[in-house]
């Protein structure tokens, strides 16, 4: 008895692989700036307190505030609750320039690395990309940084000494006409140096912490919980590493000229005088508000950025249907 002949199965036609969608380079910069601006609206009070504490004691060495909470209480009692949002326009402009540049550049370099090497960047590559991204963003964001520091510190000055800028654009215009265009880049060296340290630490450590939490013992899934944990640890490392340069940047950008001479000769002079007059720990003066600002700002920025990226991919996927 012959075996029944098996029917030949016609293999299904092979479907062409759909190439993965990627975010256009221009949108990477837009998403980076938008994420930073959204985060700044929430954490601006901590940035103001950090700035006030860093410039307190400049020249005299005397403490103006007992701690961060005393500083915040003083601002509210003397200037009202909205005093905590002094300089918000400059802060948003800073994010629109600095954060747009650094996150956009980092995303671009990160994607280029993956495309060229066909793997995720290692720690060294992430750190190098963070340095490049930070330097680019800081240079274009320095004018807004100068305006922000001055506007945030104005309320602590006696009425006769206040600059009374109406808004960030008035500040930029008056600084240019009264002190010269180059003043907008005053403190650019410590600003760029700080940004290189911040981004080397922040962007690289965020990427590595995220990979560890996803692939390590915890096996965390992609989502806000993962972004929060990676961001908070990244923010802590960044705060410790960058505060001394942030102190120098703030004091240089807020300094006044006496008989045509600047209060400080440069970054090293600021750090040396702080060490001599106020002690080593003064280099981390304002640590609590700095971390309360940088930690949540890092968390919110990356969460907003991840959500914007995901929204784009969802939108792109629907267009393909």
Protein backbone atom coordinates (compact mmCIF):
# COMPACT_ATOMS: atom_id res chain seq x y z
CA UNK A 1 0.00 0.00 0.00
CA UNK A 2 1.57 3.21 -1.09
CA UNK A 3 2.03 6.06 1.34
CA UNK A 4 -0.32 8.99 0.77
CA UNK A 5 1.54 11.78 -0.96
CA UNK A 6 2.04 14.74 1.32
CA UNK A 7 0.75 18.04 0.07
CA UNK A 8 3.49 20.48 -0.60
CA UNK A 9 3.20 23.61 1.54
CA UNK A 10 3.72 26.81 -0.35
CA UNK A 11 5.92 29.02 1.79
CA UNK A 12 4.38 32.42 2.55
CA UNK A 13 5.90 35.31 0.66
CA UNK A 14 8.70 36.96 2.62
CA UNK A 15 7.85 40.37 3.92
CA UNK A 16 10.39 43.08 3.55
CA UNK A 17 11.72 44.32 6.86
CA UNK A 18 10.45 47.77 7.65
CA UNK A 19 13.35 50.04 8.49
CA UNK A 20 13.22 51.42 12.03
CA UNK A 21 12.03 54.99 12.21
CA UNK A 22 14.50 57.51 13.56
CA UNK A 23 13.83 60.99 14.92
CA UNK A 24 14.94 63.74 12.51
CA UNK A 25 18.04 65.59 13.75
CA UNK A 26 16.18 68.91 13.99
CA UNK A 27 13.51 67.40 16.23
CA UNK A 28 16.17 65.97 18.56
CA UNK A 29 17.21 69.53 19.38
CA UNK A 30 13.59 70.71 19.72
CA UNK A 31 12.70 67.82 22.04
CA UNK A 32 15.80 68.46 24.15
CA UNK A 33 14.96 72.13 24.65
CA UNK A 34 11.26 71.45 25.26
CA UNK A 35 12.06 68.83 27.90
CA UNK A 36 14.46 71.18 29.69
CA UNK A 37 12.00 74.08 29.66
CA UNK A 38 9.21 71.90 31.08
CA UNK A 39 11.48 70.75 33.91
CA UNK A 40 12.65 74.31 34.65
CA UNK A 41 9.10 75.54 35.26
CA UNK A 42 8.93 73.12 38.18
CA UNK A 43 12.38 73.45 39.76
CA UNK A 44 13.15 77.18 39.28
CA UNK A 45 12.71 78.02 43.02
CA UNK A 46 15.56 75.64 43.92
CA UNK A 47 17.80 77.26 41.30
CA UNK A 48 17.11 80.70 42.76
CA UNK A 49 17.90 79.51 46.29
CA UNK A 50 21.12 77.85 45.06
CA UNK A 51 22.22 81.08 43.36
CA UNK A 52 21.44 83.23 46.43
CA UNK A 53 23.41 80.90 48.69
CA UNK A 54 26.41 80.79 46.36
CA UNK A 55 26.77 84.57 46.23
CA UNK A 56 26.09 85.06 49.95
CA UNK A 57 29.31 85.76 51.82
CA UNK A 58 31.13 86.87 48.68
CA UNK A 59 33.83 89.32 49.73
CA UNK A 60 32.90 89.36 53.44
CA UNK A 61 32.93 85.64 54.15
CA UNK A 62 29.87 86.12 56.40
CA UNK A 63 26.93 83.75 56.12
CA UNK A 64 23.78 85.45 54.91
CA UNK A 65 21.56 82.39 55.34
CA UNK A 66 21.66 79.61 57.93
CA UNK A 67 20.60 76.97 55.41
CA UNK A 68 18.55 76.43 52.24
CA UNK A 69 15.23 76.55 54.07
CA UNK A 70 16.16 79.83 55.78
CA UNK A 71 17.08 81.27 52.38
CA UNK A 72 13.76 80.21 50.87
CA UNK A 73 11.87 81.59 53.87
CA UNK A 74 13.75 84.90 53.59
CA UNK A 75 12.95 85.25 49.89
CA UNK A 76 9.24 84.56 50.45
CA UNK A 77 8.96 86.94 53.43
CA UNK A 78 10.77 89.83 51.69
CA UNK A 79 9.76 89.36 48.05
CA UNK A 80 6.64 87.21 48.20
CA UNK A 81 6.11 83.67 46.81
CA UNK A 82 6.67 84.85 43.23
CA UNK A 83 10.13 86.01 44.30
CA UNK A 84 11.17 82.38 43.97
CA UNK A 85 10.51 82.69 40.25
CA UNK A 86 12.67 85.76 39.68
CA UNK A 87 14.57 85.25 36.45
CA UNK A 88 12.22 82.56 35.11
CA UNK A 89 12.35 84.16 31.65
CA UNK A 90 16.15 83.90 31.61
CA UNK A 91 15.93 80.34 32.93
CA UNK A 92 13.61 79.33 30.09
CA UNK A 93 15.81 81.07 27.52
CA UNK A 94 18.79 79.23 28.97
CA UNK A 95 17.01 75.92 28.49
CA UNK A 96 15.97 76.92 24.97
CA UNK A 97 19.64 77.48 24.11
CA UNK A 98 21.81 75.39 26.44
CA UNK A 99 19.62 72.32 26.87
CA UNK A 100 18.49 72.35 23.26
CA UNK A 101 22.12 72.30 22.20
CA UNK A 102 23.47 69.74 24.65
CA UNK A 103 20.67 67.17 24.53
CA UNK A 104 20.24 67.55 20.80
CA UNK A 105 23.97 67.11 20.20
CA UNK A 106 24.16 64.16 22.61
CA UNK A 107 21.20 62.41 20.95
CA UNK A 108 22.75 63.01 17.53
CA UNK A 109 26.17 61.66 18.61
CA UNK A 110 24.59 58.71 20.44
CA UNK A 111 22.56 57.67 17.39
CA UNK A 112 25.58 58.14 15.10
CA UNK A 113 27.66 55.89 17.38
CA UNK A 114 25.00 53.16 17.35
CA UNK A 115 24.65 53.35 13.57
CA UNK A 116 28.41 53.18 12.96
CA UNK A 117 29.39 50.55 15.56
CA UNK A 118 26.04 48.70 15.69
CA UNK A 119 26.06 48.63 19.51
CA UNK A 120 25.33 50.85 22.50
CA UNK A 121 28.10 53.29 23.52
CA UNK A 122 30.40 52.20 26.35
CA UNK A 123 31.19 54.39 29.37
CA UNK A 124 34.18 56.12 27.74
CA UNK A 125 32.26 56.92 24.56
CA UNK A 126 29.26 58.23 26.55
CA UNK A 127 31.56 60.47 28.62
CA UNK A 128 33.27 61.87 25.52
CA UNK A 129 29.92 62.56 23.85
CA UNK A 130 28.72 64.25 27.05
CA UNK A 131 31.79 66.52 27.11
CA UNK A 132 31.31 67.59 23.49
CA UNK A 133 27.57 68.12 23.94
CA UNK A 134 28.08 70.10 27.16
CA UNK A 135 30.70 72.42 25.68
CA UNK A 136 28.54 73.20 22.63
CA UNK A 137 25.41 73.84 24.70
CA UNK A 138 27.18 75.93 27.35
CA UNK A 139 28.81 78.34 24.92
CA UNK A 140 25.55 79.23 23.16
CA UNK A 141 23.71 79.35 26.51
CA UNK A 142 26.13 81.62 28.42
CA UNK A 143 24.30 84.94 27.69
CA UNK A 144 21.06 83.56 29.14
CA UNK A 145 23.09 82.18 32.08
CA UNK A 146 24.53 85.63 32.83
CA UNK A 147 21.06 87.18 32.72
CA UNK A 148 19.65 84.41 34.93
CA UNK A 149 22.30 84.80 37.66
CA UNK A 150 21.86 88.58 37.77
CA UNK A 151 18.06 88.47 37.80
CA UNK A 152 17.97 85.74 40.46
CA UNK A 153 20.38 87.65 42.73
CA UNK A 154 18.87 91.14 42.27
CA UNK A 155 16.29 90.84 45.04
CA UNK A 156 18.91 90.44 47.77
CA UNK A 157 20.60 93.76 46.95
CA UNK A 158 19.71 97.15 48.52
CA UNK A 159 17.23 99.10 46.39
CA UNK A 160 19.89 101.57 45.23
CA UNK A 161 22.15 98.77 43.95
CA UNK A 162 19.56 96.68 42.11
CA UNK A 163 19.78 96.38 38.35
CA UNK A 164 15.98 96.08 38.01
CA UNK A 165 15.89 94.29 34.69
CA UNK A 166 12.31 94.18 33.37
CA UNK A 167 12.73 90.81 31.68
CA UNK A 168 15.40 88.62 30.12
CA UNK A 169 15.45 90.55 26.84
CA UNK A 170 15.77 93.86 28.70
CA UNK A 171 18.62 92.31 30.69
CA UNK A 172 20.46 91.16 27.56
CA UNK A 173 19.95 94.54 25.87
CA UNK A 174 21.13 96.57 28.87
CA UNK A 175 24.13 94.34 29.51
CA UNK A 176 25.17 94.79 25.88
CA UNK A 177 24.70 98.59 25.80
CA UNK A 178 25.99 99.33 29.33
CA UNK A 179 28.86 96.85 29.61
CA UNK A 180 29.61 95.66 26.09
CA UNK A 181 28.73 92.58 24.04
CA UNK A 182 31.59 90.53 25.50
CA UNK A 183 29.96 90.76 28.95
CA UNK A 184 27.28 88.33 27.75
CA UNK A 185 30.00 85.68 27.70
CA UNK A 186 31.50 86.68 31.06
CA UNK A 187 32.35 83.53 32.98
CA UNK A 188 32.15 81.46 29.80
CA UNK A 189 35.28 79.50 30.75
CA UNK A 190 33.89 78.13 34.06
CA UNK A 191 30.45 77.85 32.44
CA UNK A 192 31.81 75.64 29.65
CA UNK A 193 34.03 73.76 32.13
CA UNK A 194 31.09 73.15 34.45
CA UNK A 195 28.92 72.05 31.54
CA UNK A 196 31.57 69.59 30.36
CA UNK A 197 31.76 68.08 33.86
CA UNK A 198 27.96 68.10 34.26
CA UNK A 199 27.29 66.48 30.92
CA UNK A 200 30.18 64.03 31.13
CA UNK A 201 28.77 62.87 34.47
CA UNK A 202 25.04 63.36 33.91
CA UNK A 203 24.50 62.07 30.39
CA UNK A 204 27.04 59.25 30.61
CA UNK A 205 25.96 58.05 34.07
CA UNK A 206 22.26 58.27 33.15
CA UNK A 207 22.87 56.08 30.12
CA UNK A 208 24.91 53.58 32.14
CA UNK A 209 22.53 53.50 35.13
CA UNK A 210 19.63 52.96 32.77
CA UNK A 211 21.42 50.04 31.09
CA UNK A 212 22.32 48.55 34.48
CA UNK A 213 18.77 48.76 35.84
CA UNK A 214 17.38 47.23 32.65
CA UNK A 215 19.90 44.40 32.21
CA UNK A 216 21.18 43.92 35.77
CA UNK A 217 19.68 42.06 38.73
CA UNK A 218 16.63 44.34 38.97
CA UNK A 219 15.53 43.75 35.34
CA UNK A 220 13.47 46.95 35.32
CA UNK A 221 11.22 47.58 32.34
CA UNK A 222 11.35 50.73 30.22
CA UNK A 223 9.18 53.39 31.80
CA UNK A 224 9.00 56.29 34.24
CA UNK A 225 10.21 54.18 37.21
CA UNK A 226 13.38 53.25 35.33
CA UNK A 227 13.94 56.86 34.19
CA UNK A 228 13.41 58.16 37.76
CA UNK A 229 15.92 55.80 39.40
CA UNK A 230 18.59 56.38 36.74
CA UNK A 231 18.07 60.15 36.85
CA UNK A 232 18.28 60.54 40.63
CA UNK A 233 21.56 58.65 40.88
CA UNK A 234 22.90 60.51 37.86
CA UNK A 235 21.89 63.82 39.45
CA UNK A 236 23.67 62.98 42.73
CA UNK A 237 26.98 62.21 41.00
CA UNK A 238 26.64 65.32 38.85
CA UNK A 239 25.99 67.58 41.86
CA UNK A 240 29.08 66.38 43.71
CA UNK A 241 31.33 66.71 40.66
CA UNK A 242 30.18 70.08 39.34
CA UNK A 243 29.41 72.31 42.33
CA UNK A 244 32.85 73.97 42.75
CA UNK A 245 32.84 75.11 39.11
CA UNK A 246 29.22 76.20 39.44
CA UNK A 247 30.21 78.32 42.46
CA UNK A 248 32.98 80.00 40.43
CA UNK A 249 30.65 80.57 37.47
CA UNK A 250 27.95 82.17 39.62
CA UNK A 251 30.30 84.58 41.40
CA UNK A 252 32.07 85.67 38.22
CA UNK A 253 28.80 86.31 36.40
CA UNK A 254 27.43 88.32 39.34
CA UNK A 255 30.62 90.30 40.09
CA UNK A 256 30.77 94.07 39.93
CA UNK A 257 33.63 96.29 38.79
CA UNK A 258 35.30 98.70 41.25
CA UNK A 259 37.36 101.48 39.62
CA UNK A 260 37.28 99.52 36.39
CA UNK A 261 38.71 96.38 37.98
CA UNK A 262 36.74 93.10 38.26
CA UNK A 263 36.16 91.56 41.67
CA UNK A 264 37.74 88.28 40.56
CA UNK A 265 40.61 87.55 38.16
CA UNK A 266 39.17 84.21 37.07
CA UNK A 267 38.02 80.75 38.12
CA UNK A 268 41.15 79.87 40.11
CA UNK A 269 40.99 83.20 41.97
CA UNK A 270 37.35 82.56 42.95
CA UNK A 271 38.05 79.05 44.20
CA UNK A 272 41.18 80.17 46.07
CA UNK A 273 39.40 83.02 47.83
CA UNK A 274 36.44 80.83 48.76
CA UNK A 275 38.83 78.26 50.26
CA UNK A 276 40.75 80.90 52.24
CA UNK A 277 37.80 82.97 53.44
CA UNK A 278 34.97 80.43 53.77
CA UNK A 279 36.54 76.97 53.98
CA UNK A 280 36.53 73.84 51.81
CA UNK A 281 32.86 73.01 52.37
CA UNK A 282 31.88 76.43 50.99
CA UNK A 283 32.70 75.05 47.53
CA UNK A 284 29.57 72.95 47.95
CA UNK A 285 27.53 75.81 49.46
CA UNK A 286 23.93 75.37 48.38
CA UNK A 287 24.37 71.60 47.89
CA UNK A 288 20.81 70.81 49.02
CA UNK A 289 18.97 73.23 46.68
CA UNK A 290 21.46 72.42 43.90
CA UNK A 291 20.66 68.72 44.15
CA UNK A 292 16.96 69.41 44.77
CA UNK A 293 17.10 71.39 41.55
CA UNK A 294 19.47 69.20 39.53
CA UNK A 295 18.11 65.83 40.67
CA UNK A 296 14.44 66.50 39.85
CA UNK A 297 15.44 68.59 36.83
CA UNK A 298 17.44 65.63 35.52
CA UNK A 299 14.53 63.30 36.27
CA UNK A 300 11.91 65.56 34.68
CA UNK A 301 14.07 66.44 31.67
CA UNK A 302 14.77 62.82 30.81
CA UNK A 303 11.18 61.76 31.53
CA UNK A 304 9.84 64.56 29.30
CA UNK A 305 12.44 63.72 26.65
CA UNK A 306 11.60 60.01 26.72
CA UNK A 307 7.87 60.80 26.49
CA UNK A 308 8.42 63.18 23.55
CA UNK A 309 10.51 60.55 21.77
CA UNK A 310 7.86 57.89 22.42
CA UNK A 311 5.09 60.21 21.22
CA UNK A 312 7.01 60.76 17.99
CA UNK A 313 7.47 57.02 17.41
CA UNK A 314 3.76 56.40 18.09
CA UNK A 315 2.85 59.15 15.65
CA UNK A 316 5.28 57.82 13.03
CA UNK A 317 3.91 54.28 13.46
CA UNK A 318 0.31 55.47 12.93
CA UNK A 319 1.34 57.27 9.73
CA UNK A 320 2.70 53.98 8.37
CA UNK A 321 -0.60 52.14 8.94
